[in-house]
């Protein structure tokens, strides 16, 4: 890119003292260097341990900013707070325990530049599903490239927050996460809110992010998501029971495929 656009990295943190350092280090290793990092500690009950870790990094790099929330609002509220304090055109989301590969931002920003003339407002890539120490892959890398519309996202959502960048200038009025959802499908609804305005999401097959997963919770987490997913269809989108049931069944089948259970 002739002029490097500023990327605002949005990081919500809750009890992240043990892993947030690795996450920050992965950003510091990026070959694309025009970024700001905004970390919001969501009132973590760790006696400020996570805050202290971030403060040490902030002392050494002025691009790193810390906001300590006085009230726990969930990941949606923490992300919104970071977004309100962001100055970049592009918002790159990153959870406080995930890892970016060193060429993540450079690859994504190059892809975004090549698609500035499209109606895409969300850009995403593939990711590896790792164990808690990020030393072993639990499942095959997940990729689902191509163009995604609002309707396609109703069936299946391939967009992982730590592997997604939003073009806020393209959207116009800033879209925020719905804080009433806290951490229950809030990211999914956020993508839907953007795409419902007529925008699309574009994904590449490059695997550029490491997502930490608990080995014993992959199936359990999918089961826990059934009720929130139903809530999205029925209450957020206002679908009737038949329509909601159809989408939920399709979503569940796609989820089984995604997690390698079929």
C-alpha atoms as a PDB file:
ATOM      1  CA  UNK A   1       0.000   0.000   0.000  1.00  0.00           C
ATOM      2  CA  UNK A   2       1.378   3.450  -0.875  1.00  0.00           C
ATOM      3  CA  UNK A   3       0.097   4.872   2.378  1.00  0.00           C
ATOM      4  CA  UNK A   4      -0.178   2.483   5.272  1.00  0.00           C
ATOM      5  CA  UNK A   5      -3.579   2.891   6.846  1.00  0.00           C
ATOM      6  CA  UNK A   6      -3.729   2.720  10.629  1.00  0.00           C
ATOM      7  CA  UNK A   7      -5.152  -0.519  11.975  1.00  0.00           C
ATOM      8  CA  UNK A   8      -6.779  -0.338  15.407  1.00  0.00           C
ATOM      9  CA  UNK A   9      -6.356  -3.657  17.193  1.00  0.00           C
ATOM     10  CA  UNK A  10      -9.287  -4.292  19.529  1.00  0.00           C
ATOM     11  CA  UNK A  11      -8.495  -6.617  22.452  1.00  0.00           C
ATOM     12  CA  UNK A  12     -10.931  -7.417  25.289  1.00  0.00           C
ATOM     13  CA  UNK A  13      -9.213  -8.969  28.295  1.00  0.00           C
ATOM     14  CA  UNK A  14     -10.649 -10.898  31.226  1.00  0.00           C
ATOM     15  CA  UNK A  15      -8.324 -12.835  33.520  1.00  0.00           C
ATOM     16  CA  UNK A  16      -5.707 -12.740  30.784  1.00  0.00           C
ATOM     17  CA  UNK A  17      -2.521 -12.319  32.805  1.00  0.00           C
ATOM     18  CA  UNK A  18      -1.007 -15.665  31.842  1.00  0.00           C
ATOM     19  CA  UNK A  19      -1.486 -15.395  28.083  1.00  0.00           C
ATOM     20  CA  UNK A  20      -1.917 -11.760  27.048  1.00  0.00           C
ATOM     21  CA  UNK A  21       1.859 -11.318  26.848  1.00  0.00           C
ATOM     22  CA  UNK A  22       2.063 -13.928  24.081  1.00  0.00           C
ATOM     23  CA  UNK A  23      -0.767 -12.197  22.247  1.00  0.00           C
ATOM     24  CA  UNK A  24       0.957  -8.820  22.453  1.00  0.00           C
ATOM     25  CA  UNK A  25       4.246 -10.334  21.307  1.00  0.00           C
ATOM     26  CA  UNK A  26       2.523 -11.737  18.223  1.00  0.00           C
ATOM     27  CA  UNK A  27       1.401  -8.209  17.331  1.00  0.00           C
ATOM     28  CA  UNK A  28       4.848  -6.760  17.935  1.00  0.00           C
ATOM     29  CA  UNK A  29       6.223  -9.277  15.430  1.00  0.00           C
ATOM     30  CA  UNK A  30       3.935  -8.060  12.643  1.00  0.00           C
ATOM     31  CA  UNK A  31       5.673  -6.958   9.449  1.00  0.00           C
ATOM     32  CA  UNK A  32       2.922  -4.345   9.002  1.00  0.00           C
ATOM     33  CA  UNK A  33       3.756  -1.750  11.642  1.00  0.00           C
ATOM     34  CA  UNK A  34       1.169   1.033  11.361  1.00  0.00           C
ATOM     35  CA  UNK A  35      -1.144  -0.065  14.130  1.00  0.00           C
ATOM     36  CA  UNK A  36      -2.460   0.901  17.528  1.00  0.00           C
ATOM     37  CA  UNK A  37      -3.434  -1.655  20.138  1.00  0.00           C
ATOM     38  CA  UNK A  38      -6.269  -0.919  22.542  1.00  0.00           C
ATOM     39  CA  UNK A  39      -6.658  -3.429  25.348  1.00  0.00           C
ATOM     40  CA  UNK A  40      -9.674  -3.151  27.636  1.00  0.00           C
ATOM     41  CA  UNK A  41      -9.468  -5.065  30.893  1.00  0.00           C
ATOM     42  CA  UNK A  42     -13.045  -6.061  31.664  1.00  0.00           C
ATOM     43  CA  UNK A  43     -12.800  -5.718  35.444  1.00  0.00           C
ATOM     44  CA  UNK A  44     -10.755  -8.915  35.819  1.00  0.00           C
ATOM     45  CA  UNK A  45     -10.802 -10.504  39.322  1.00  0.00           C
ATOM     46  CA  UNK A  46      -7.043 -11.066  39.313  1.00  0.00           C
ATOM     47  CA  UNK A  47      -5.815  -8.205  41.522  1.00  0.00           C
ATOM     48  CA  UNK A  48      -4.631  -6.319  38.454  1.00  0.00           C
ATOM     49  CA  UNK A  49      -2.239  -9.038  37.273  1.00  0.00           C
ATOM     50  CA  UNK A  50      -3.280  -8.718  33.628  1.00  0.00           C
ATOM     51  CA  UNK A  51      -3.184  -4.931  33.802  1.00  0.00           C
ATOM     52  CA  UNK A  52       0.388  -5.027  35.095  1.00  0.00           C
ATOM     53  CA  UNK A  53       1.477  -7.206  32.176  1.00  0.00           C
ATOM     54  CA  UNK A  54      -0.037  -4.798  29.653  1.00  0.00           C
ATOM     55  CA  UNK A  55       1.371  -1.749  31.442  1.00  0.00           C
ATOM     56  CA  UNK A  56       4.904  -3.106  31.090  1.00  0.00           C
ATOM     57  CA  UNK A  57       4.459  -3.423  27.331  1.00  0.00           C
ATOM     58  CA  UNK A  58       2.811   0.008  27.103  1.00  0.00           C
ATOM     59  CA  UNK A  59       5.850   1.598  28.761  1.00  0.00           C
ATOM     60  CA  UNK A  60       8.031   0.293  25.929  1.00  0.00           C
ATOM     61  CA  UNK A  61       5.681   0.913  22.989  1.00  0.00           C
ATOM     62  CA  UNK A  62       3.440   3.977  22.712  1.00  0.00           C
ATOM     63  CA  UNK A  63       1.173   2.184  20.242  1.00  0.00           C
ATOM     64  CA  UNK A  64      -0.175   0.053  23.094  1.00  0.00           C
ATOM     65  CA  UNK A  65      -3.008   1.596  25.106  1.00  0.00           C
ATOM     66  CA  UNK A  66      -4.722   0.173  28.176  1.00  0.00           C
ATOM     67  CA  UNK A  67      -8.214   0.911  29.451  1.00  0.00           C
ATOM     68  CA  UNK A  68      -9.227  -0.555  32.811  1.00  0.00           C
ATOM     69  CA  UNK A  69     -12.997  -0.896  33.010  1.00  0.00           C
ATOM     70  CA  UNK A  70     -14.665  -0.293  36.368  1.00  0.00           C
ATOM     71  CA  UNK A  71     -17.626  -2.515  35.488  1.00  0.00           C
ATOM     72  CA  UNK A  72     -17.701  -5.970  33.929  1.00  0.00           C
ATOM     73  CA  UNK A  73     -19.658  -5.765  30.666  1.00  0.00           C
ATOM     74  CA  UNK A  74     -18.541  -8.908  28.882  1.00  0.00           C
ATOM     75  CA  UNK A  75     -16.469  -9.085  25.716  1.00  0.00           C
ATOM     76  CA  UNK A  76     -19.036  -7.073  23.740  1.00  0.00           C
ATOM     77  CA  UNK A  77     -18.861  -4.128  26.141  1.00  0.00           C
ATOM     78  CA  UNK A  78     -15.066  -4.300  26.315  1.00  0.00           C
ATOM     79  CA  UNK A  79     -14.780  -4.291  22.520  1.00  0.00           C
ATOM     80  CA  UNK A  80     -17.155  -1.344  22.267  1.00  0.00           C
ATOM     81  CA  UNK A  81     -15.055   0.636  24.737  1.00  0.00           C
ATOM     82  CA  UNK A  82     -11.933  -0.043  22.688  1.00  0.00           C
ATOM     83  CA  UNK A  83     -13.731   0.913  19.475  1.00  0.00           C
ATOM     84  CA  UNK A  84     -14.830   4.233  20.954  1.00  0.00           C
ATOM     85  CA  UNK A  85     -11.185   5.055  21.651  1.00  0.00           C
ATOM     86  CA  UNK A  86      -9.821   3.816  18.318  1.00  0.00           C
ATOM     87  CA  UNK A  87      -8.447   6.179  15.678  1.00  0.00           C
ATOM     88  CA  UNK A  88      -7.779   3.827  12.760  1.00  0.00           C
ATOM     89  CA  UNK A  89      -9.965   3.218   9.732  1.00  0.00           C
ATOM     90  CA  UNK A  90      -9.637  -0.533  10.135  1.00  0.00           C
ATOM     91  CA  UNK A  91     -10.617  -2.480  13.243  1.00  0.00           C
ATOM     92  CA  UNK A  92      -8.770  -5.772  13.710  1.00  0.00           C
ATOM     93  CA  UNK A  93     -10.207  -7.919  16.479  1.00  0.00           C
ATOM     94  CA  UNK A  94      -7.983 -10.118  18.605  1.00  0.00           C
ATOM     95  CA  UNK A  95      -8.806 -12.072  21.756  1.00  0.00           C
ATOM     96  CA  UNK A  96      -6.294 -11.835  24.592  1.00  0.00           C
ATOM     97  CA  UNK A  97      -5.214 -15.477  24.305  1.00  0.00           C
ATOM     98  CA  UNK A  98      -4.974 -15.880  20.520  1.00  0.00           C
ATOM     99  CA  UNK A  99      -1.900 -15.509  18.316  1.00  0.00           C
ATOM    100  CA  UNK A 100      -1.366 -13.768  14.992  1.00  0.00           C
ATOM    101  CA  UNK A 101       1.240 -15.094  12.583  1.00  0.00           C
ATOM    102  CA  UNK A 102       3.842 -12.428  11.769  1.00  0.00           C
ATOM    103  CA  UNK A 103       2.443 -11.764   8.278  1.00  0.00           C
ATOM    104  CA  UNK A 104      -1.214 -11.559   9.327  1.00  0.00           C
ATOM    105  CA  UNK A 105      -1.692  -7.796   9.054  1.00  0.00           C
ATOM    106  CA  UNK A 106       0.475  -7.422   5.947  1.00  0.00           C
ATOM    107  CA  UNK A 107      -1.380 -10.190   4.112  1.00  0.00           C
ATOM    108  CA  UNK A 108      -4.807  -8.980   5.167  1.00  0.00           C
ATOM    109  CA  UNK A 109      -4.150  -5.324   4.369  1.00  0.00           C
ATOM    110  CA  UNK A 110      -2.819  -6.254   0.939  1.00  0.00           C
ATOM    111  CA  UNK A 111      -5.995  -8.259   0.316  1.00  0.00           C
ATOM    112  CA  UNK A 112      -8.149  -5.384   1.557  1.00  0.00           C
ATOM    113  CA  UNK A 113      -6.399  -2.924  -0.765  1.00  0.00           C
ATOM    114  CA  UNK A 114      -7.092  -5.180  -3.739  1.00  0.00           C
ATOM    115  CA  UNK A 115     -10.791  -5.204  -2.845  1.00  0.00           C
ATOM    116  CA  UNK A 116     -11.401  -1.559  -1.980  1.00  0.00           C
ATOM    117  CA  UNK A 117     -13.721  -1.193  -4.970  1.00  0.00           C
ATOM    118  CA  UNK A 118     -16.083  -3.897  -3.734  1.00  0.00           C
ATOM    119  CA  UNK A 119     -18.891  -3.667  -1.193  1.00  0.00           C
ATOM    120  CA  UNK A 120     -16.963  -5.844   1.267  1.00  0.00           C
ATOM    121  CA  UNK A 121     -16.740  -4.405   4.783  1.00  0.00           C
ATOM    122  CA  UNK A 122     -15.466  -7.497   6.623  1.00  0.00           C
ATOM    123  CA  UNK A 123     -12.313  -9.376   5.680  1.00  0.00           C
ATOM    124  CA  UNK A 124     -11.214 -12.643   7.253  1.00  0.00           C
ATOM    125  CA  UNK A 125      -8.737 -15.505   6.926  1.00  0.00           C
ATOM    126  CA  UNK A 126      -8.277 -19.113   8.030  1.00  0.00           C
ATOM    127  CA  UNK A 127      -7.001 -20.194  11.427  1.00  0.00           C
ATOM    128  CA  UNK A 128      -5.426 -23.096  13.276  1.00  0.00           C
ATOM    129  CA  UNK A 129      -7.244 -24.710  16.206  1.00  0.00           C
ATOM    130  CA  UNK A 130      -4.626 -25.252  18.865  1.00  0.00           C
ATOM    131  CA  UNK A 131      -4.360 -26.715  22.355  1.00  0.00           C
ATOM    132  CA  UNK A 132      -4.066 -24.478  25.414  1.00  0.00           C
ATOM    133  CA  UNK A 133      -0.298 -24.079  25.050  1.00  0.00           C
ATOM    134  CA  UNK A 134      -0.431 -23.528  21.272  1.00  0.00           C
ATOM    135  CA  UNK A 135       1.942 -26.452  20.716  1.00  0.00           C
ATOM    136  CA  UNK A 136      -0.373 -28.941  18.979  1.00  0.00           C
ATOM    137  CA  UNK A 137      -3.188 -28.660  16.473  1.00  0.00           C
ATOM    138  CA  UNK A 138      -6.414 -30.229  17.734  1.00  0.00           C
ATOM    139  CA  UNK A 139      -8.160 -30.204  14.367  1.00  0.00           C
ATOM    140  CA  UNK A 140      -7.258 -29.427  10.783  1.00  0.00           C
ATOM    141  CA  UNK A 141      -6.853 -25.702  10.012  1.00  0.00           C
ATOM    142  CA  UNK A 142     -10.207 -24.113   9.278  1.00  0.00           C
ATOM    143  CA  UNK A 143     -10.647 -22.184   6.043  1.00  0.00           C
ATOM    144  CA  UNK A 144     -13.799 -21.094   4.254  1.00  0.00           C
ATOM    145  CA  UNK A 145     -12.780 -18.437   1.720  1.00  0.00           C
ATOM    146  CA  UNK A 146     -14.937 -16.493  -0.684  1.00  0.00           C
ATOM    147  CA  UNK A 147     -17.766 -13.980  -0.495  1.00  0.00           C
ATOM    148  CA  UNK A 148     -20.282 -14.232   2.329  1.00  0.00           C
ATOM    149  CA  UNK A 149     -23.604 -12.429   2.441  1.00  0.00           C
ATOM    150  CA  UNK A 150     -26.118 -11.892   5.220  1.00  0.00           C
ATOM    151  CA  UNK A 151     -28.155 -14.868   3.994  1.00  0.00           C
ATOM    152  CA  UNK A 152     -25.136 -17.183   3.845  1.00  0.00           C
ATOM    153  CA  UNK A 153     -24.204 -16.279   7.416  1.00  0.00           C
ATOM    154  CA  UNK A 154     -27.598 -17.475   8.605  1.00  0.00           C
ATOM    155  CA  UNK A 155     -26.581 -21.017   7.636  1.00  0.00           C
ATOM    156  CA  UNK A 156     -22.999 -20.930   8.786  1.00  0.00           C
ATOM    157  CA  UNK A 157     -20.528 -18.375  10.115  1.00  0.00           C
ATOM    158  CA  UNK A 158     -16.892 -18.892   9.068  1.00  0.00           C
ATOM    159  CA  UNK A 159     -15.732 -15.576  10.526  1.00  0.00           C
ATOM    160  CA  UNK A 160     -13.596 -15.931  13.646  1.00  0.00           C
ATOM    161  CA  UNK A 161     -13.118 -12.649  15.574  1.00  0.00           C
ATOM    162  CA  UNK A 162      -9.336 -12.930  15.924  1.00  0.00           C
ATOM    163  CA  UNK A 163      -9.080 -13.487  12.168  1.00  0.00           C
ATOM    164  CA  UNK A 164     -11.313 -10.606  11.058  1.00  0.00           C
ATOM    165  CA  UNK A 165     -10.828  -6.962  10.086  1.00  0.00           C
ATOM    166  CA  UNK A 166     -13.637  -4.432   9.564  1.00  0.00           C
ATOM    167  CA  UNK A 167     -13.433  -1.399   7.269  1.00  0.00           C
ATOM    168  CA  UNK A 168     -15.229   1.250   9.321  1.00  0.00           C
ATOM    169  CA  UNK A 169     -15.029   3.882   6.582  1.00  0.00           C
ATOM    170  CA  UNK A 170     -16.896   1.585   4.222  1.00  0.00           C
ATOM    171  CA  UNK A 171     -19.685   1.105   6.771  1.00  0.00           C
ATOM    172  CA  UNK A 172     -20.105   4.808   7.518  1.00  0.00           C
ATOM    173  CA  UNK A 173     -21.933   4.963  10.852  1.00  0.00           C
ATOM    174  CA  UNK A 174     -19.982   2.836  13.319  1.00  0.00           C
ATOM    175  CA  UNK A 175     -21.629  -0.462  14.202  1.00  0.00           C
ATOM    176  CA  UNK A 176     -21.185  -1.573  17.811  1.00  0.00           C
ATOM    177  CA  UNK A 177     -21.535  -4.947  19.489  1.00  0.00           C
ATOM    178  CA  UNK A 178     -24.838  -5.537  21.263  1.00  0.00           C
ATOM    179  CA  UNK A 179     -23.845  -5.367  24.915  1.00  0.00           C
ATOM    180  CA  UNK A 180     -26.987  -7.099  26.139  1.00  0.00           C
ATOM    181  CA  UNK A 181     -25.612 -10.287  24.563  1.00  0.00           C
ATOM    182  CA  UNK A 182     -22.365  -9.978  26.535  1.00  0.00           C
ATOM    183  CA  UNK A 183     -20.341 -12.960  25.239  1.00  0.00           C
ATOM    184  CA  UNK A 184     -23.205 -15.062  23.834  1.00  0.00           C
ATOM    185  CA  UNK A 185     -23.057 -14.958  20.017  1.00  0.00           C
ATOM    186  CA  UNK A 186     -22.205 -11.258  20.211  1.00  0.00           C
ATOM    187  CA  UNK A 187     -19.585 -11.546  17.476  1.00  0.00           C
ATOM    188  CA  UNK A 188     -21.975 -13.452  15.194  1.00  0.00           C
ATOM    189  CA  UNK A 189     -24.690 -10.835  15.634  1.00  0.00           C
ATOM    190  CA  UNK A 190     -22.107  -8.101  15.007  1.00  0.00           C
ATOM    191  CA  UNK A 191     -21.246  -9.601  11.607  1.00  0.00           C
ATOM    192  CA  UNK A 192     -24.960  -9.952  10.819  1.00  0.00           C
ATOM    193  CA  UNK A 193     -25.629  -6.330  11.775  1.00  0.00           C
ATOM    194  CA  UNK A 194     -22.962  -5.189   9.307  1.00  0.00           C
ATOM    195  CA  UNK A 195     -23.987  -7.490   6.469  1.00  0.00           C
ATOM    196  CA  UNK A 196     -27.665  -6.624   6.940  1.00  0.00           C
ATOM    197  CA  UNK A 197     -26.781  -3.166   5.597  1.00  0.00           C
ATOM    198  CA  UNK A 198     -25.987  -4.705   2.221  1.00  0.00           C
ATOM    199  CA  UNK A 199     -22.263  -5.259   2.709  1.00  0.00           C
ATOM    200  CA  UNK A 200     -20.423  -8.531   2.179  1.00  0.00           C
ATOM    201  CA  UNK A 201     -17.550 -10.349   3.868  1.00  0.00           C
ATOM    202  CA  UNK A 202     -14.551 -11.583   1.873  1.00  0.00           C
ATOM    203  CA  UNK A 203     -12.307 -14.378   3.101  1.00  0.00           C
ATOM    204  CA  UNK A 204      -8.958 -15.799   2.026  1.00  0.00           C
ATOM    205  CA  UNK A 205      -7.705 -19.341   2.521  1.00  0.00           C
ATOM    206  CA  UNK A 206      -4.416 -18.273   4.138  1.00  0.00           C
ATOM    207  CA  UNK A 207      -4.106 -19.662   7.681  1.00  0.00           C
ATOM    208  CA  UNK A 208      -2.724 -16.747   9.690  1.00  0.00           C
ATOM    209  CA  UNK A 209      -4.114 -17.080  13.231  1.00  0.00           C
ATOM    210  CA  UNK A 210      -3.777 -19.543  16.111  1.00  0.00           C
ATOM    211  CA  UNK A 211      -6.935 -20.044  18.168  1.00  0.00           C
ATOM    212  CA  UNK A 212      -6.561 -21.695  21.576  1.00  0.00           C
ATOM    213  CA  UNK A 213      -9.183 -24.346  22.260  1.00  0.00           C
ATOM    214  CA  UNK A 214      -9.851 -26.541  25.257  1.00  0.00           C
ATOM    215  CA  UNK A 215      -9.614 -30.158  24.126  1.00  0.00           C
ATOM    216  CA  UNK A 216     -12.460 -31.307  26.377  1.00  0.00           C
ATOM    217  CA  UNK A 217     -14.875 -28.559  25.427  1.00  0.00           C
ATOM    218  CA  UNK A 218     -15.137 -28.603  21.624  1.00  0.00           C
ATOM    219  CA  UNK A 219     -18.390 -30.567  21.496  1.00  0.00           C
ATOM    220  CA  UNK A 220     -19.706 -29.119  24.755  1.00  0.00           C
ATOM    221  CA  UNK A 221     -19.210 -25.558  23.533  1.00  0.00           C
ATOM    222  CA  UNK A 222     -21.224 -26.302  20.399  1.00  0.00           C
ATOM    223  CA  UNK A 223     -24.073 -27.659  22.527  1.00  0.00           C
ATOM    224  CA  UNK A 224     -23.955 -24.567  24.731  1.00  0.00           C
ATOM    225  CA  UNK A 225     -24.311 -22.411  21.629  1.00  0.00           C
ATOM    226  CA  UNK A 226     -27.610 -23.980  20.557  1.00  0.00           C
ATOM    227  CA  UNK A 227     -29.815 -21.875  22.851  1.00  0.00           C
ATOM    228  CA  UNK A 228     -28.022 -18.586  22.035  1.00  0.00           C
ATOM    229  CA  UNK A 229     -28.201 -19.435  18.319  1.00  0.00           C
ATOM    230  CA  UNK A 230     -31.940 -20.081  18.638  1.00  0.00           C
ATOM    231  CA  UNK A 231     -32.256 -16.774  20.483  1.00  0.00           C
ATOM    232  CA  UNK A 232     -30.580 -14.988  17.566  1.00  0.00           C
ATOM    233  CA  UNK A 233     -33.018 -16.441  15.050  1.00  0.00           C
ATOM    234  CA  UNK A 234     -36.150 -15.956  17.156  1.00  0.00           C
ATOM    235  CA  UNK A 235     -35.512 -12.763  19.128  1.00  0.00           C
ATOM    236  CA  UNK A 236     -32.804 -10.811  17.306  1.00  0.00           C
ATOM    237  CA  UNK A 237     -33.919 -11.575  13.747  1.00  0.00           C
ATOM    238  CA  UNK A 238     -37.585 -12.213  14.531  1.00  0.00           C
ATOM    239  CA  UNK A 239     -37.906 -15.430  12.519  1.00  0.00           C
ATOM    240  CA  UNK A 240     -40.903 -17.692  13.120  1.00  0.00           C
ATOM    241  CA  UNK A 241     -40.491 -21.155  14.662  1.00  0.00           C
ATOM    242  CA  UNK A 242     -40.396 -23.033  11.348  1.00  0.00           C
ATOM    243  CA  UNK A 243     -37.842 -20.710   9.778  1.00  0.00           C
ATOM    244  CA  UNK A 244     -35.744 -20.659  12.951  1.00  0.00           C
ATOM    245  CA  UNK A 245     -35.808 -24.462  13.176  1.00  0.00           C
ATOM    246  CA  UNK A 246     -34.658 -24.794   9.572  1.00  0.00           C
ATOM    247  CA  UNK A 247     -31.723 -22.441  10.048  1.00  0.00           C
ATOM    248  CA  UNK A 248     -30.776 -23.983  13.400  1.00  0.00           C
ATOM    249  CA  UNK A 249     -30.671 -27.484  11.912  1.00  0.00           C
ATOM    250  CA  UNK A 250     -28.534 -26.319   8.992  1.00  0.00           C
ATOM    251  CA  UNK A 251     -26.271 -24.386  11.352  1.00  0.00           C
ATOM    252  CA  UNK A 252     -25.823 -27.476  13.565  1.00  0.00           C
ATOM    253  CA  UNK A 253     -24.958 -29.727  10.619  1.00  0.00           C
ATOM    254  CA  UNK A 254     -22.432 -27.209   9.324  1.00  0.00           C
ATOM    255  CA  UNK A 255     -20.992 -26.977  12.824  1.00  0.00           C
ATOM    256  CA  UNK A 256     -20.437 -30.728  12.984  1.00  0.00           C
ATOM    257  CA  UNK A 257     -18.570 -30.557   9.691  1.00  0.00           C
ATOM    258  CA  UNK A 258     -16.523 -27.596  10.885  1.00  0.00           C
ATOM    259  CA  UNK A 259     -15.375 -29.416  14.014  1.00  0.00           C
ATOM    260  CA  UNK A 260     -14.520 -32.580  12.137  1.00  0.00           C
ATOM    261  CA  UNK A 261     -17.291 -34.672  13.658  1.00  0.00           C
ATOM    262  CA  UNK A 262     -18.644 -35.963  10.350  1.00  0.00           C
END
